[in-house]
Amino acid sequence: MKLGILGSGKGSNFIAIQQAILDGKLPAEVVVVVSDHAHAPIIERAREFGLPTAILPPSAFKTRLEPAIEEGLVALLQRHRVDLVVLAGYMRVVKAPLLQAFPNRIVNIHPSLLPAFKGLHAWTQALDAGVAETGCTVHRVNEAIDGGEILGQERVPILPGDTSESLHARIQALEHRLYPAILAQLARVSPGGA
């Protein structure tokens, strides 16, 4: 299964995915790593692994790409023959060009037990709500923000004295285990896609 990774930040989930591939736990290949930020650490991490990288042109919008830029992204992913688009800390809302080109073949990981706490800073939302537990969810991406089919979840208790930072760190540790595991399940079910 050929993976196209989209990320905006540090790339810790990408690193977990690539390590699972190298360890033989994930029968897949990362064929391109794309970022919407020229200096995102995920790009440097990908280069350290010797993987192809690409930087998207600057967008006038903070939360999404202009259609022409997203169409360029689709063309790039198609040139690399991507089977599954993997959002790994990608901070843009995916729109029609990508959704139509890769129907049911885009996945994301979100730091909450969806459908609870959609959107940004979900761990802080969970703390503010006073819930007993939260976690992370791998889901398919559709037109609804954090609204696609749930593929897997991991739970973590919220501990007395938890801060936003401590809770987020524990959620990320779960993400690094769950995301590669769900991708491996998808690869076994449908090696050439999702």
Protein backbone atom coordinates (compact mmCIF):
# COMPACT_ATOMS: atom_id res chain seq x y z
CA MET A 1 0.00 0.00 0.00
CA LYS A 2 1.48 3.33 -1.08
CA LEU A 3 1.00 6.10 1.48
CA GLY A 4 1.00 9.83 0.87
CA ILE A 5 1.54 11.63 4.19
CA LEU A 6 0.25 15.18 4.72
CA GLY A 7 1.54 17.07 7.75
CA SER A 8 1.88 20.61 9.06
CA GLY A 9 4.09 20.20 12.13
CA LYS A 10 6.65 18.05 13.93
CA GLY A 11 5.72 14.79 12.27
CA SER A 12 5.66 12.51 15.31
CA ASN A 13 2.82 10.39 13.89
CA PHE A 14 4.64 10.19 10.55
CA ILE A 15 7.76 8.97 12.36
CA ALA A 16 5.72 6.29 14.17
CA ILE A 17 4.25 5.16 10.84
CA GLN A 18 7.63 5.07 9.08
CA GLN A 19 9.19 3.20 12.01
CA ALA A 20 6.40 0.61 11.87
CA ILE A 21 7.16 0.14 8.16
CA LEU A 22 10.89 -0.26 8.85
CA ASP A 23 10.14 -2.72 11.69
CA GLY A 24 8.02 -4.86 9.36
CA LYS A 25 4.80 -4.18 11.28
CA LEU A 26 3.13 -2.15 8.52
CA PRO A 27 3.15 -3.57 4.98
CA ALA A 28 3.21 -0.21 3.25
CA GLU A 29 5.54 2.33 1.68
CA VAL A 30 5.58 6.09 2.17
CA VAL A 31 5.93 7.41 -1.36
CA VAL A 32 5.73 11.15 -0.58
CA VAL A 33 5.53 13.46 2.45
CA VAL A 34 3.80 16.79 1.80
CA SER A 35 3.55 19.86 4.04
CA ASP A 36 1.71 23.13 3.81
CA HIS A 37 4.55 24.81 5.76
CA ALA A 38 7.98 25.17 4.16
CA HIS A 39 9.84 24.86 7.46
CA ALA A 40 7.71 22.15 9.09
CA PRO A 41 9.94 19.63 10.91
CA ILE A 42 8.03 16.75 9.26
CA ILE A 43 9.79 17.61 5.99
CA GLU A 44 13.24 17.38 7.58
CA ARG A 45 12.30 14.07 9.26
CA ALA A 46 11.13 12.69 5.89
CA ARG A 47 14.39 13.76 4.25
CA GLU A 48 16.33 12.01 7.02
CA PHE A 49 14.52 8.80 6.02
CA GLY A 50 15.40 9.50 2.37
CA LEU A 51 11.77 9.94 1.34
CA PRO A 52 10.44 12.25 -1.40
CA THR A 53 9.00 15.49 -0.06
CA ALA A 54 6.94 18.39 -1.39
CA ILE A 55 5.91 21.80 -0.06
CA LEU A 56 2.55 23.26 -1.03
CA PRO A 57 2.42 26.87 -2.23
CA PRO A 58 1.31 29.43 0.37
CA SER A 59 -2.44 29.68 0.83
CA ALA A 60 -4.45 32.83 1.42
CA PHE A 61 -6.58 30.89 3.92
CA LYS A 62 -5.46 29.60 7.31
CA THR A 63 -7.75 26.56 7.61
CA ARG A 64 -8.02 25.33 4.02
CA LEU A 65 -6.30 25.46 0.65
CA GLU A 66 -7.53 27.34 -2.38
CA PRO A 67 -9.10 24.89 -4.87
CA ALA A 68 -6.25 25.36 -7.36
CA ILE A 69 -3.63 24.48 -4.72
CA GLU A 70 -5.62 21.44 -3.59
CA GLU A 71 -5.98 20.35 -7.23
CA GLY A 72 -2.19 20.60 -7.50
CA LEU A 73 -1.90 18.44 -4.40
CA VAL A 74 -4.21 15.85 -5.99
CA ALA A 75 -2.03 15.79 -9.11
CA LEU A 76 1.10 15.36 -6.98
CA LEU A 77 -0.41 12.44 -5.02
CA GLN A 78 -1.60 10.83 -8.25
CA ARG A 79 1.87 11.17 -9.82
CA HIS A 80 3.24 9.25 -6.82
CA ARG A 81 0.48 6.62 -7.30
CA VAL A 82 -0.75 7.06 -3.73
CA ASP A 83 -3.27 4.45 -2.56
CA LEU A 84 -4.09 6.03 0.81
CA VAL A 85 -3.75 9.67 1.93
CA VAL A 86 -2.69 9.81 5.58
CA LEU A 87 -3.22 13.05 7.50
CA ALA A 88 -0.57 13.26 10.21
CA GLY A 89 -0.97 16.57 11.99
CA TYR A 90 -2.25 18.21 8.81
CA MET A 91 -3.98 21.38 9.96
CA ARG A 92 -6.09 22.13 6.88
CA VAL A 93 -9.68 21.12 6.22
CA VAL A 94 -9.77 18.78 3.24
CA LYS A 95 -12.12 19.94 0.52
CA ALA A 96 -13.77 18.64 -2.67
CA PRO A 97 -10.74 18.19 -4.96
CA LEU A 98 -8.99 15.79 -2.56
CA LEU A 99 -12.19 14.12 -1.31
CA GLN A 100 -13.36 13.41 -4.88
CA ALA A 101 -9.97 12.13 -6.06
CA PHE A 102 -9.51 9.78 -3.07
CA PRO A 103 -13.01 8.73 -1.94
CA ASN A 104 -12.82 6.68 1.28
CA ARG A 105 -9.04 6.70 0.88
CA ILE A 106 -8.13 9.54 3.27
CA VAL A 107 -7.58 8.84 6.96
CA ASN A 108 -6.84 11.06 9.94
CA ILE A 109 -6.03 10.69 13.62
CA HIS A 110 -7.81 12.97 16.07
CA PRO A 111 -6.90 13.49 19.74
CA SER A 112 -10.29 12.65 21.27
CA LEU A 113 -12.81 9.85 21.41
CA LEU A 114 -14.91 11.00 18.49
CA PRO A 115 -17.64 12.05 18.13
CA ALA A 116 -16.72 13.99 21.30
CA PHE A 117 -14.51 17.09 21.09
CA LYS A 118 -14.16 17.69 17.37
CA GLY A 119 -11.89 20.43 16.05
CA LEU A 120 -8.80 22.05 17.51
CA HIS A 121 -7.24 21.41 20.94
CA ALA A 122 -9.50 18.45 21.70
CA TRP A 123 -7.47 17.50 24.80
CA THR A 124 -8.09 20.95 26.28
CA GLN A 125 -11.78 20.64 25.41
CA ALA A 126 -11.86 17.32 27.32
CA LEU A 127 -10.13 18.85 30.36
CA ASP A 128 -12.48 21.84 30.35
CA ALA A 129 -15.52 19.52 30.11
CA GLY A 130 -14.40 17.57 33.19
CA VAL A 131 -14.80 14.14 31.57
CA ALA A 132 -13.16 11.08 33.16
CA GLU A 133 -11.42 9.88 30.00
CA THR A 134 -10.46 10.86 26.50
CA GLY A 135 -8.17 9.34 23.90
CA CYS A 136 -7.63 9.27 20.17
CA THR A 137 -9.52 8.14 17.09
CA VAL A 138 -8.46 7.07 13.61
CA HIS A 139 -11.20 7.85 11.13
CA ARG A 140 -11.90 8.19 7.44
CA VAL A 141 -12.07 11.76 6.21
CA ASN A 142 -15.22 13.12 4.62
CA GLU A 143 -16.77 16.57 4.16
CA ALA A 144 -17.72 16.82 7.86
CA ILE A 145 -14.87 17.94 10.12
CA ASP A 146 -13.82 14.92 12.23
CA GLY A 147 -17.03 13.23 11.11
CA GLY A 148 -15.97 10.24 9.01
CA GLU A 149 -16.26 6.52 9.79
CA ILE A 150 -14.38 5.56 12.96
CA LEU A 151 -11.74 2.88 12.28
CA GLY A 152 -10.27 2.57 15.78
CA GLN A 153 -9.93 4.27 19.16
CA GLU A 154 -7.66 4.16 22.21
CA ARG A 155 -8.73 5.47 25.63
CA VAL A 156 -6.75 7.29 28.29
CA PRO A 157 -7.99 8.34 31.75
CA ILE A 158 -7.81 11.98 32.74
CA LEU A 159 -5.77 12.02 35.93
CA PRO A 160 -6.04 14.40 38.88
CA GLY A 161 -3.63 17.25 38.26
CA ASP A 162 -3.48 16.67 34.50
CA THR A 163 -2.54 19.74 32.52
CA SER A 164 -3.22 20.31 28.86
CA GLU A 165 0.42 19.42 28.15
CA SER A 166 0.53 16.20 30.22
CA LEU A 167 -2.75 14.93 28.81
CA HIS A 168 -1.73 15.75 25.24
CA ALA A 169 1.57 13.89 25.72
CA ARG A 170 -0.25 10.74 26.90
CA ILE A 171 -2.69 10.96 23.99
CA GLN A 172 0.18 11.30 21.53
CA ALA A 173 1.81 8.15 22.93
CA LEU A 174 -1.45 6.31 22.16
CA GLU A 175 -1.62 7.86 18.68
CA HIS A 176 1.85 6.56 17.85
CA ARG A 177 0.68 3.01 18.58
CA LEU A 178 -2.87 3.19 17.18
CA TYR A 179 -2.25 4.89 13.82
CA PRO A 180 0.29 2.37 12.46
CA ALA A 181 -1.88 -0.52 13.75
CA ILE A 182 -4.99 0.74 11.94
CA LEU A 183 -2.98 1.39 8.76
CA ALA A 184 -1.66 -2.18 8.96
CA GLN A 185 -5.25 -3.47 9.19
CA LEU A 186 -6.19 -1.43 6.11
CA ALA A 187 -3.14 -2.74 4.23
CA ARG A 188 -4.04 -6.36 5.02
CA VAL A 189 -7.67 -5.89 3.94
CA SER A 190 -6.85 -3.99 0.76
CA PRO A 191 -3.11 -3.85 -0.05
CA GLY A 192 -3.64 -1.45 -2.96
CA GLY A 193 -5.78 1.02 -1.04
CA ALA A 194 -8.31 1.40 1.75
